[in-house]
Amino acid sequence: MERTVAELMHQGVLTCTRETPIQDVARYMSEHDVSALVVINEAGDMVGLISRTDLVNARLYEQYWKHWRGLTAGHIMVTDVISVRKDDDLQHAGKLMMERKIHRLVVVEDTATGLKPIGVLSITDMVRDIARE
């Protein structure tokens, strides 16, 4: 029997909105010791992702440097977020992370208005699982 994403994913997702100031995004990541936040809209659907790497890259980008204090999550979030469903095959999810060279997948469920984030599967989760075998 194939294992599913649900077996290893973290339930729940830390989120922010497009309007969240960058300083608040950085503070929230630091306080909760996470490397990314899912950006959601008013309906709670995923519209993007912002990672620590995105923050640092934006801080170093000259165009953003001048206006840093006025930036929001919406300015630097990634909108092409790779996601999976909780019933997806775990091996498929792992291959997806390796092929795309990403560290996490947002686990989503379909809603009438879009995709609602319900969890995260990270490369760290996969490594911990390997260590337990």
C-alpha atoms as a PDB file:
ATOM      1  CA  MET A   1       0.000   0.000   0.000  1.00  0.00           C
ATOM      2  CA  GLU A   2       1.346   3.411  -0.959  1.00  0.00           C
ATOM      3  CA  ARG A   3       1.914   5.945   1.768  1.00  0.00           C
ATOM      4  CA  THR A   4       0.241   9.328   1.524  1.00  0.00           C
ATOM      5  CA  VAL A   5       1.206  12.923   2.205  1.00  0.00           C
ATOM      6  CA  ALA A   6      -1.223  12.920   5.159  1.00  0.00           C
ATOM      7  CA  GLU A   7       1.076  10.520   7.035  1.00  0.00           C
ATOM      8  CA  LEU A   8       3.945  13.023   7.298  1.00  0.00           C
ATOM      9  CA  MET A   9       2.487  16.489   6.760  1.00  0.00           C
ATOM     10  CA  HIS A  10       2.187  19.089   9.498  1.00  0.00           C
ATOM     11  CA  GLN A  11      -1.449  19.950  10.113  1.00  0.00           C
ATOM     12  CA  GLY A  12      -2.227  23.651   9.986  1.00  0.00           C
ATOM     13  CA  VAL A  13      -0.437  26.445   8.200  1.00  0.00           C
ATOM     14  CA  LEU A  14       1.003  29.753   9.318  1.00  0.00           C
ATOM     15  CA  THR A  15      -0.359  32.472   7.052  1.00  0.00           C
ATOM     16  CA  CYS A  16      -0.309  36.141   6.239  1.00  0.00           C
ATOM     17  CA  THR A  17      -2.138  38.318   3.718  1.00  0.00           C
ATOM     18  CA  ARG A  18      -0.857  40.255   0.717  1.00  0.00           C
ATOM     19  CA  GLU A  19      -1.141  43.418   2.817  1.00  0.00           C
ATOM     20  CA  THR A  20       1.046  42.172   5.684  1.00  0.00           C
ATOM     21  CA  PRO A  21       4.110  44.450   6.011  1.00  0.00           C
ATOM     22  CA  ILE A  22       7.442  42.758   5.294  1.00  0.00           C
ATOM     23  CA  GLN A  23       8.737  43.549   8.788  1.00  0.00           C
ATOM     24  CA  ASP A  24       5.753  41.698  10.270  1.00  0.00           C
ATOM     25  CA  VAL A  25       6.348  38.735   7.943  1.00  0.00           C
ATOM     26  CA  ALA A  26       9.986  38.518   9.091  1.00  0.00           C
ATOM     27  CA  ARG A  27       9.012  38.902  12.753  1.00  0.00           C
ATOM     28  CA  TYR A  28       6.329  36.199  12.489  1.00  0.00           C
ATOM     29  CA  MET A  29       8.756  33.779  10.821  1.00  0.00           C
ATOM     30  CA  SER A  30      11.344  34.405  13.525  1.00  0.00           C
ATOM     31  CA  GLU A  31       8.901  34.128  16.426  1.00  0.00           C
ATOM     32  CA  HIS A  32       7.432  30.860  15.142  1.00  0.00           C
ATOM     33  CA  ASP A  33      10.727  29.470  13.795  1.00  0.00           C
ATOM     34  CA  VAL A  34       9.319  28.770  10.332  1.00  0.00           C
ATOM     35  CA  SER A  35      10.966  29.253   6.968  1.00  0.00           C
ATOM     36  CA  ALA A  36       7.864  30.261   5.001  1.00  0.00           C
ATOM     37  CA  LEU A  37       4.339  31.633   5.281  1.00  0.00           C
ATOM     38  CA  VAL A  38       1.421  30.885   2.999  1.00  0.00           C
ATOM     39  CA  VAL A  39      -0.198  34.061   1.694  1.00  0.00           C
ATOM     40  CA  ILE A  40      -3.997  33.882   1.708  1.00  0.00           C
ATOM     41  CA  ASN A  41      -6.851  36.053   0.472  1.00  0.00           C
ATOM     42  CA  GLU A  42      -9.978  37.149   2.322  1.00  0.00           C
ATOM     43  CA  ALA A  43     -11.638  33.771   1.668  1.00  0.00           C
ATOM     44  CA  GLY A  44      -8.695  31.891   3.189  1.00  0.00           C
ATOM     45  CA  ASP A  45      -7.538  30.557  -0.174  1.00  0.00           C
ATOM     46  CA  MET A  46      -3.842  30.351  -1.047  1.00  0.00           C
ATOM     47  CA  VAL A  47      -2.587  33.106  -3.345  1.00  0.00           C
ATOM     48  CA  GLY A  48       1.156  32.811  -2.750  1.00  0.00           C
ATOM     49  CA  LEU A  49       4.079  31.810  -0.578  1.00  0.00           C
ATOM     50  CA  ILE A  50       6.837  33.873   0.980  1.00  0.00           C
ATOM     51  CA  SER A  51      10.022  32.259   2.300  1.00  0.00           C
ATOM     52  CA  ARG A  52      13.013  33.469   4.267  1.00  0.00           C
ATOM     53  CA  THR A  53      14.995  33.255   1.037  1.00  0.00           C
ATOM     54  CA  ASP A  54      12.446  35.506  -0.687  1.00  0.00           C
ATOM     55  CA  LEU A  55      12.850  38.043   2.132  1.00  0.00           C
ATOM     56  CA  VAL A  56      16.640  38.067   1.905  1.00  0.00           C
ATOM     57  CA  ASN A  57      16.629  38.234  -1.899  1.00  0.00           C
ATOM     58  CA  ALA A  58      14.213  41.165  -1.825  1.00  0.00           C
ATOM     59  CA  ARG A  59      16.294  42.942   0.803  1.00  0.00           C
ATOM     60  CA  LEU A  60      19.366  42.653  -1.426  1.00  0.00           C
ATOM     61  CA  TYR A  61      17.542  43.705  -4.612  1.00  0.00           C
ATOM     62  CA  GLU A  62      18.335  47.376  -5.184  1.00  0.00           C
ATOM     63  CA  GLN A  63      14.852  48.297  -6.436  1.00  0.00           C
ATOM     64  CA  TYR A  64      13.303  47.013  -3.206  1.00  0.00           C
ATOM     65  CA  TRP A  65      16.111  48.235  -0.943  1.00  0.00           C
ATOM     66  CA  LYS A  66      15.064  51.872  -1.407  1.00  0.00           C
ATOM     67  CA  HIS A  67      11.444  51.167  -0.492  1.00  0.00           C
ATOM     68  CA  TRP A  68      11.927  48.342   2.012  1.00  0.00           C
ATOM     69  CA  ARG A  69       9.753  49.778   4.771  1.00  0.00           C
ATOM     70  CA  GLY A  70       6.761  50.135   2.437  1.00  0.00           C
ATOM     71  CA  LEU A  71       6.838  46.600   1.067  1.00  0.00           C
ATOM     72  CA  THR A  72       4.209  43.979   1.825  1.00  0.00           C
ATOM     73  CA  ALA A  73       4.051  40.223   1.386  1.00  0.00           C
ATOM     74  CA  GLY A  74       2.207  40.798  -1.884  1.00  0.00           C
ATOM     75  CA  HIS A  75       5.213  42.601  -3.356  1.00  0.00           C
ATOM     76  CA  ILE A  76       7.631  39.693  -3.018  1.00  0.00           C
ATOM     77  CA  MET A  77       5.536  36.542  -2.648  1.00  0.00           C
ATOM     78  CA  VAL A  78       5.837  33.718  -5.147  1.00  0.00           C
ATOM     79  CA  THR A  79       2.508  33.054  -6.848  1.00  0.00           C
ATOM     80  CA  ASP A  80       3.419  29.807  -8.614  1.00  0.00           C
ATOM     81  CA  VAL A  81       3.163  27.670  -5.477  1.00  0.00           C
ATOM     82  CA  ILE A  82       3.677  23.931  -5.860  1.00  0.00           C
ATOM     83  CA  SER A  83       1.032  22.105  -3.857  1.00  0.00           C
ATOM     84  CA  VAL A  84      -0.254  18.599  -3.194  1.00  0.00           C
ATOM     85  CA  ARG A  85      -3.363  17.019  -1.703  1.00  0.00           C
ATOM     86  CA  LYS A  86      -3.244  15.015   1.530  1.00  0.00           C
ATOM     87  CA  ASP A  87      -4.208  11.825  -0.317  1.00  0.00           C
ATOM     88  CA  ASP A  88      -1.374  12.179  -2.851  1.00  0.00           C
ATOM     89  CA  ASP A  89       1.341   9.536  -2.934  1.00  0.00           C
ATOM     90  CA  LEU A  90       4.261  10.386  -0.645  1.00  0.00           C
ATOM     91  CA  GLN A  91       6.813   9.204  -3.200  1.00  0.00           C
ATOM     92  CA  HIS A  92       5.292  11.532  -5.810  1.00  0.00           C
ATOM     93  CA  ALA A  93       5.533  14.440  -3.354  1.00  0.00           C
ATOM     94  CA  GLY A  94       9.190  13.678  -2.628  1.00  0.00           C
ATOM     95  CA  LYS A  95      10.030  13.494  -6.315  1.00  0.00           C
ATOM     96  CA  LEU A  96       8.238  16.781  -6.882  1.00  0.00           C
ATOM     97  CA  MET A  97      10.401  18.489  -4.253  1.00  0.00           C
ATOM     98  CA  MET A  98      13.589  17.046  -5.744  1.00  0.00           C
ATOM     99  CA  GLU A  99      12.677  17.898  -9.344  1.00  0.00           C
ATOM    100  CA  ARG A 100      11.597  21.452  -8.502  1.00  0.00           C
ATOM    101  CA  LYS A 101      14.442  21.964  -5.999  1.00  0.00           C
ATOM    102  CA  ILE A 102      12.045  23.163  -3.320  1.00  0.00           C
ATOM    103  CA  HIS A 103      12.025  22.543   0.430  1.00  0.00           C
ATOM    104  CA  ARG A 104       8.306  22.364   1.090  1.00  0.00           C
ATOM    105  CA  LEU A 105       4.951  21.607  -0.462  1.00  0.00           C
ATOM    106  CA  VAL A 106       1.762  23.271   0.681  1.00  0.00           C
ATOM    107  CA  VAL A 107      -0.963  20.703   1.269  1.00  0.00           C
ATOM    108  CA  VAL A 108      -4.287  22.024  -0.004  1.00  0.00           C
ATOM    109  CA  GLU A 109      -7.902  21.074  -0.369  1.00  0.00           C
ATOM    110  CA  ASP A 110     -10.252  22.336  -3.058  1.00  0.00           C
ATOM    111  CA  THR A 111     -12.879  24.900  -2.121  1.00  0.00           C
ATOM    112  CA  ALA A 112     -15.559  26.630  -4.157  1.00  0.00           C
ATOM    113  CA  THR A 113     -13.297  29.669  -4.476  1.00  0.00           C
ATOM    114  CA  GLY A 114      -9.819  28.145  -4.798  1.00  0.00           C
ATOM    115  CA  LEU A 115      -7.300  26.136  -2.803  1.00  0.00           C
ATOM    116  CA  LYS A 116      -7.355  26.214   1.003  1.00  0.00           C
ATOM    117  CA  PRO A 117      -4.005  25.456   2.687  1.00  0.00           C
ATOM    118  CA  ILE A 118      -4.386  22.762   5.351  1.00  0.00           C
ATOM    119  CA  GLY A 119      -0.802  21.710   6.015  1.00  0.00           C
ATOM    120  CA  VAL A 120       2.811  21.579   4.900  1.00  0.00           C
ATOM    121  CA  LEU A 121       5.066  18.720   3.894  1.00  0.00           C
ATOM    122  CA  SER A 122       8.730  19.671   4.154  1.00  0.00           C
ATOM    123  CA  ILE A 123      11.963  18.055   3.099  1.00  0.00           C
ATOM    124  CA  THR A 124      12.770  17.875   6.830  1.00  0.00           C
ATOM    125  CA  ASP A 125       9.651  15.744   7.354  1.00  0.00           C
ATOM    126  CA  MET A 126      10.915  13.371   4.672  1.00  0.00           C
ATOM    127  CA  VAL A 127      14.394  13.146   6.249  1.00  0.00           C
ATOM    128  CA  ARG A 128      12.918  12.436   9.699  1.00  0.00           C
ATOM    129  CA  ASP A 129      10.847   9.654   8.184  1.00  0.00           C
ATOM    130  CA  ILE A 130      13.940   8.112   6.581  1.00  0.00           C
ATOM    131  CA  ALA A 131      15.785   8.283   9.918  1.00  0.00           C
ATOM    132  CA  ARG A 132      12.957   6.362  11.640  1.00  0.00           C
ATOM    133  CA  GLU A 133      13.070   3.454   9.183  1.00  0.00           C
END
